[in-house]
Amino acid sequence: MTLKIEIDGSDGSGAPYEQVRAQIAEQARGGGLPVGYKLPTVRGLAQDLGLAANTVAKAYRALEADGVIETRGRHGTFVAAAGDAAAREASAAAQAFAERAQRLGLSEAGALAAVRDALRAAYGDSG
């Protein structure tokens, strides 16, 4: 899955920052961008779209205020989990685990096995 944004320069299509905001929000809420998807940097997306960095930054700030995305310091900007705080925290932990497992060289199957073992230990065999 990749981010797809098209800026319409015609009159009546809305401000460019609003187009960026609306398209990212629609893709995130519609499932086109999964929770934890890492968005491009402000400068990178601005360059790709031919926009000023401040335009993309304004869209990102609006999306963060709406809870659609979250910024994790130097780690980047990610699609936020919808729902309650517990679900968001669990999603962030899962994303961090996935990134760590990949850095450690685990295969997807190995990472899933580690998660299953941890869940069995926490919840017991009944799940």
Protein backbone atom coordinates (compact mmCIF):
# COMPACT_ATOMS: atom_id res chain seq x y z
CA MET A 1 0.00 0.00 0.00
CA THR A 2 1.25 3.42 -0.88
CA LEU A 3 0.09 6.94 -0.34
CA LYS A 4 -1.59 8.40 -3.43
CA ILE A 5 -2.17 12.14 -3.58
CA GLU A 6 -3.09 14.23 -6.56
CA ILE A 7 -3.21 18.01 -6.33
CA ASP A 8 -5.82 19.67 -8.52
CA GLY A 9 -4.71 23.21 -9.34
CA SER A 10 -8.04 24.33 -10.76
CA ASP A 11 -10.18 26.94 -9.05
CA GLY A 12 -12.75 25.47 -6.70
CA SER A 13 -10.69 22.37 -5.91
CA GLY A 14 -9.65 23.75 -2.53
CA ALA A 15 -6.38 24.88 -1.06
CA PRO A 16 -3.49 22.49 -1.68
CA TYR A 17 -3.01 21.84 2.05
CA GLU A 18 -6.71 20.93 2.33
CA GLN A 19 -6.41 18.55 -0.62
CA VAL A 20 -3.42 16.84 1.03
CA ARG A 21 -5.25 16.68 4.38
CA ALA A 22 -8.47 15.34 2.89
CA GLN A 23 -6.80 12.68 0.74
CA ILE A 24 -4.61 11.34 3.55
CA ALA A 25 -7.59 11.31 5.95
CA GLU A 26 -9.77 9.49 3.42
CA GLN A 27 -7.11 6.85 2.71
CA ALA A 28 -6.37 6.33 6.41
CA ARG A 29 -10.00 6.09 7.50
CA GLY A 30 -10.98 4.01 4.49
CA GLY A 31 -8.29 1.40 5.09
CA GLY A 32 -6.17 2.34 2.09
CA LEU A 33 -3.37 3.23 4.50
CA PRO A 34 -3.03 0.77 7.37
CA VAL A 35 -2.49 1.79 10.97
CA GLY A 36 1.23 2.31 11.49
CA TYR A 37 1.92 3.20 7.86
CA LYS A 38 4.88 5.57 7.81
CA LEU A 39 4.12 8.74 5.89
CA PRO A 40 6.77 10.54 3.85
CA THR A 41 8.62 13.40 5.49
CA VAL A 42 7.12 16.85 5.09
CA ARG A 43 9.93 17.89 2.77
CA GLY A 44 9.83 14.64 0.82
CA LEU A 45 6.09 14.80 0.19
CA ALA A 46 6.27 18.51 -0.63
CA GLN A 47 8.95 17.80 -3.22
CA ASP A 48 6.99 14.89 -4.71
CA LEU A 49 3.85 17.03 -5.02
CA GLY A 50 5.57 20.22 -6.10
CA LEU A 51 4.33 22.09 -3.04
CA ALA A 52 5.98 24.24 -0.39
CA ALA A 53 7.05 22.36 2.74
CA ASN A 54 4.88 24.68 4.85
CA THR A 55 1.81 23.56 2.88
CA VAL A 56 2.40 19.89 3.69
CA ALA A 57 3.35 20.75 7.29
CA LYS A 58 0.02 22.54 7.71
CA ALA A 59 -1.84 19.47 6.41
CA TYR A 60 0.11 17.17 8.74
CA ARG A 61 -0.65 19.45 11.74
CA ALA A 62 -4.36 19.37 10.92
CA LEU A 63 -4.31 15.58 10.52
CA GLU A 64 -2.51 15.18 13.84
CA ALA A 65 -5.03 17.45 15.57
CA ASP A 66 -7.80 15.24 14.14
CA GLY A 67 -6.10 12.07 15.42
CA VAL A 68 -5.58 10.67 11.93
CA ILE A 69 -1.78 10.65 12.15
CA GLU A 70 0.77 10.80 14.93
CA THR A 71 4.32 12.06 14.99
CA ARG A 72 6.86 9.99 16.89
CA GLY A 73 9.71 12.45 17.11
CA ARG A 74 12.65 11.57 14.91
CA HIS A 75 11.06 8.22 14.01
CA GLY A 76 8.59 9.86 11.67
CA THR A 77 4.90 10.37 11.12
CA PHE A 78 2.51 7.42 11.05
CA VAL A 79 -1.15 6.67 10.46
CA ALA A 80 -2.71 6.56 13.92
CA ALA A 81 -4.94 3.83 15.25
CA ALA A 82 -8.60 4.68 15.33
CA GLY A 83 -10.49 3.95 18.48
CA ASP A 84 -9.69 4.23 22.13
CA ALA A 85 -6.37 4.95 23.81
CA ALA A 86 -5.72 1.28 24.61
CA ALA A 87 -6.08 0.33 20.95
CA ARG A 88 -3.78 3.17 19.90
CA GLU A 89 -1.16 2.16 22.45
CA ALA A 90 -1.36 -1.50 21.43
CA SER A 91 -0.99 -0.52 17.78
CA ALA A 92 2.05 1.61 18.54
CA ALA A 93 3.61 -1.26 20.51
CA ALA A 94 2.91 -3.67 17.67
CA GLN A 95 4.49 -1.30 15.16
CA ALA A 96 7.57 -0.89 17.36
CA PHE A 97 7.84 -4.67 17.71
CA ALA A 98 7.52 -5.19 13.96
CA GLU A 99 10.28 -2.69 13.26
CA ARG A 100 12.53 -4.24 15.93
CA ALA A 101 11.90 -7.78 14.66
CA GLN A 102 12.80 -6.70 11.15
CA ARG A 103 16.02 -5.03 12.36
CA LEU A 104 16.91 -8.25 14.19
CA GLY A 105 16.52 -10.16 10.95
CA LEU A 106 13.51 -12.25 11.96
CA SER A 107 11.27 -13.52 9.21
CA GLU A 108 7.58 -12.63 9.35
CA ALA A 109 6.84 -16.19 10.49
CA GLY A 110 9.45 -15.91 13.24
CA ALA A 111 8.05 -12.61 14.43
CA LEU A 112 4.51 -14.01 14.47
CA ALA A 113 5.69 -17.04 16.45
CA ALA A 114 7.28 -14.74 19.02
CA VAL A 115 4.03 -12.79 19.33
CA ARG A 116 1.97 -15.99 19.71
CA ASP A 117 4.30 -17.21 22.46
CA ALA A 118 4.08 -13.89 24.29
CA LEU A 119 0.29 -13.82 24.01
CA ARG A 120 0.01 -17.40 25.30
CA ALA A 121 2.22 -16.48 28.25
CA ALA A 122 0.12 -13.40 29.01
CA TYR A 123 -3.36 -14.83 28.41
CA GLY A 124 -2.83 -18.54 28.95
CA ASP A 125 -3.62 -21.23 26.41
CA SER A 126 -7.31 -20.31 26.27
CA GLY A 127 -6.56 -16.95 24.58
